[in-house]
Amino acid sequence: MTVPWLDIVGHVADLVTILGVPVLAVGTWKLVKEVRLERAERKKERIVSEDCLEFYDLAQRVAVNLVPLKAVGFMPRPGDFVSLPGEGREYGAGEYEVEKILFSYREAPDIDQPCPAVPTKVIAYVHRKDKYKERP
């Protein structure tokens, strides 16, 4: 005695297998490529201040503060005064005057333009406001 509904289930299973196995293989291959790309990105060396606005004290020759470029609301300009947090008066906290700004760019192959570039680091050279005479 044959059961006709088992034949139907068998045909459906064959159809799912014929369509599902190639889809599963393509999905797995894409996932493997994505994982390899993420591993390569993690292995790439980065400097601490990459993608940051760095405040550099000219008198002490030391970086006072780092701010991620994504969090920067405005770029300071020469002549601007900035108040920076720190670990106390000796370790960076205080008011500073911006002397000059240095922008550093890197190549951006993801952007479809001739010679594309994106900012990778901005350095604001500053000096303490209270250690120098006010400018007229």
Protein backbone atom coordinates (compact mmCIF):
# COMPACT_ATOMS: atom_id res chain seq x y z
CA MET A 1 0.00 0.00 0.00
CA THR A 2 1.44 3.31 -1.06
CA VAL A 3 0.76 6.56 0.72
CA PRO A 4 0.22 9.31 -1.86
CA TRP A 5 0.89 12.22 0.52
CA LEU A 6 4.40 10.85 1.24
CA ASP A 7 5.21 11.21 -2.46
CA ILE A 8 4.11 14.88 -2.32
CA VAL A 9 6.26 15.51 0.78
CA GLY A 10 9.21 13.88 -0.98
CA HIS A 11 8.81 16.14 -4.03
CA VAL A 12 8.58 19.24 -1.82
CA ALA A 13 11.74 18.17 0.05
CA ASP A 14 13.55 17.67 -3.28
CA LEU A 15 12.48 21.14 -4.44
CA VAL A 16 13.61 22.77 -1.17
CA THR A 17 16.96 20.99 -1.43
CA ILE A 18 17.51 22.01 -5.06
CA LEU A 19 16.79 25.68 -4.28
CA GLY A 20 18.10 25.83 -0.71
CA VAL A 21 21.58 24.35 -1.04
CA PRO A 22 22.87 26.94 -3.58
CA VAL A 23 21.36 29.79 -1.54
CA LEU A 24 23.00 28.43 1.60
CA ALA A 25 26.36 28.08 -0.18
CA VAL A 26 26.28 31.67 -1.50
CA GLY A 27 25.27 33.02 1.91
CA THR A 28 28.08 31.13 3.63
CA TRP A 29 30.64 32.40 1.09
CA LYS A 30 29.54 36.02 1.62
CA LEU A 31 29.77 35.58 5.39
CA VAL A 32 33.30 34.13 5.11
CA LYS A 33 34.42 37.09 2.96
CA GLU A 34 32.94 39.57 5.44
CA VAL A 35 34.69 37.92 8.41
CA ARG A 36 38.02 37.98 6.55
CA LEU A 37 37.58 41.68 5.79
CA GLU A 38 36.78 42.47 9.44
CA ARG A 39 39.86 40.55 10.60
CA ALA A 40 42.04 42.50 8.16
CA GLU A 41 40.60 45.80 9.45
CA ARG A 42 41.31 44.83 13.07
CA LYS A 43 44.90 43.88 12.26
CA LYS A 44 45.60 47.22 10.59
CA GLU A 45 47.80 49.37 12.83
CA ARG A 46 46.30 52.60 14.11
CA ILE A 47 47.85 55.43 16.02
CA VAL A 48 46.18 56.52 19.26
CA SER A 49 45.19 59.94 17.97
CA GLU A 50 43.84 58.75 14.60
CA ASP A 51 40.47 60.30 13.73
CA CYS A 52 40.88 62.82 16.58
CA LEU A 53 41.27 66.52 17.22
CA GLU A 54 44.46 66.81 19.28
CA PHE A 55 45.27 69.84 21.40
CA TYR A 56 49.06 70.20 21.61
CA ASP A 57 50.64 72.54 24.19
CA LEU A 58 53.56 74.33 22.52
CA ALA A 59 55.21 75.39 25.79
CA GLN A 60 55.22 71.95 27.44
CA ARG A 61 55.54 70.04 24.16
CA VAL A 62 52.84 67.56 25.10
CA ALA A 63 49.37 66.62 23.89
CA VAL A 64 46.85 68.08 26.32
CA ASN A 65 43.62 66.51 25.09
CA LEU A 66 42.13 64.28 22.37
CA VAL A 67 38.60 64.61 21.00
CA PRO A 68 37.18 62.13 18.43
CA LEU A 69 36.40 63.94 15.16
CA LYS A 70 32.87 62.48 15.23
CA ALA A 71 32.22 64.30 18.53
CA VAL A 72 33.66 67.68 17.47
CA GLY A 73 30.94 70.32 17.25
CA PHE A 74 33.20 72.96 15.68
CA MET A 75 36.83 73.27 14.63
CA PRO A 76 38.80 75.84 16.60
CA ARG A 77 40.50 78.60 14.63
CA PRO A 78 43.71 80.49 15.38
CA GLY A 79 42.93 83.11 18.01
CA ASP A 80 40.08 81.14 19.61
CA PHE A 81 40.15 80.39 23.33
CA VAL A 82 39.29 76.87 24.49
CA SER A 83 38.74 75.52 27.99
CA LEU A 84 40.00 71.95 28.29
CA PRO A 85 39.42 69.40 31.06
CA GLY A 86 42.30 67.53 32.64
CA GLU A 87 43.61 65.86 35.77
CA GLY A 88 44.40 69.11 37.56
CA ARG A 89 46.19 72.35 36.78
CA GLU A 90 49.53 70.66 36.09
CA TYR A 91 48.08 67.97 33.83
CA GLY A 92 46.28 69.90 31.15
CA ALA A 93 43.16 71.47 32.63
CA GLY A 94 42.79 75.16 31.87
CA GLU A 95 42.15 77.79 29.25
CA TYR A 96 44.24 77.84 26.11
CA GLU A 97 44.61 80.06 23.07
CA VAL A 98 44.83 78.37 19.67
CA GLU A 99 47.99 79.38 17.77
CA LYS A 100 47.60 77.36 14.57
CA ILE A 101 45.76 74.35 13.14
CA LEU A 102 47.21 71.44 11.16
CA PHE A 103 44.92 69.18 9.12
CA SER A 104 46.09 65.72 8.07
CA TYR A 105 44.24 63.75 5.36
CA ARG A 106 44.35 60.18 4.06
CA GLU A 107 43.25 58.61 0.81
CA ALA A 108 39.59 57.56 0.64
CA PRO A 109 39.11 54.86 -2.01
CA ASP A 110 35.44 54.40 -0.99
CA ILE A 111 34.48 57.83 -2.35
CA ASP A 112 33.81 58.01 -6.08
CA GLN A 113 35.65 61.24 -6.93
CA PRO A 114 39.03 62.06 -8.42
CA CYS A 115 41.70 62.09 -5.67
CA PRO A 116 39.30 61.68 -2.71
CA ALA A 117 40.57 62.35 0.81
CA VAL A 118 39.12 62.37 4.33
CA PRO A 119 40.54 64.04 7.44
CA THR A 120 42.42 61.60 9.64
CA LYS A 121 43.81 63.95 12.29
CA VAL A 122 43.58 67.59 13.26
CA ILE A 123 46.17 69.17 15.54
CA ALA A 124 45.42 72.45 17.32
CA TYR A 125 48.63 74.02 18.60
CA VAL A 126 47.77 75.90 21.80
CA HIS A 127 49.38 77.77 24.68
CA ARG A 128 48.03 78.46 28.17
CA LYS A 129 46.10 81.69 28.37
CA ASP A 130 47.17 82.48 31.94
CA LYS A 131 50.90 82.04 31.31
CA TYR A 132 51.09 84.63 28.53
CA LYS A 133 50.10 88.27 28.35
CA GLU A 134 46.77 89.04 26.79
CA ARG A 135 47.03 90.25 23.22
CA PRO A 136 45.65 93.72 22.47
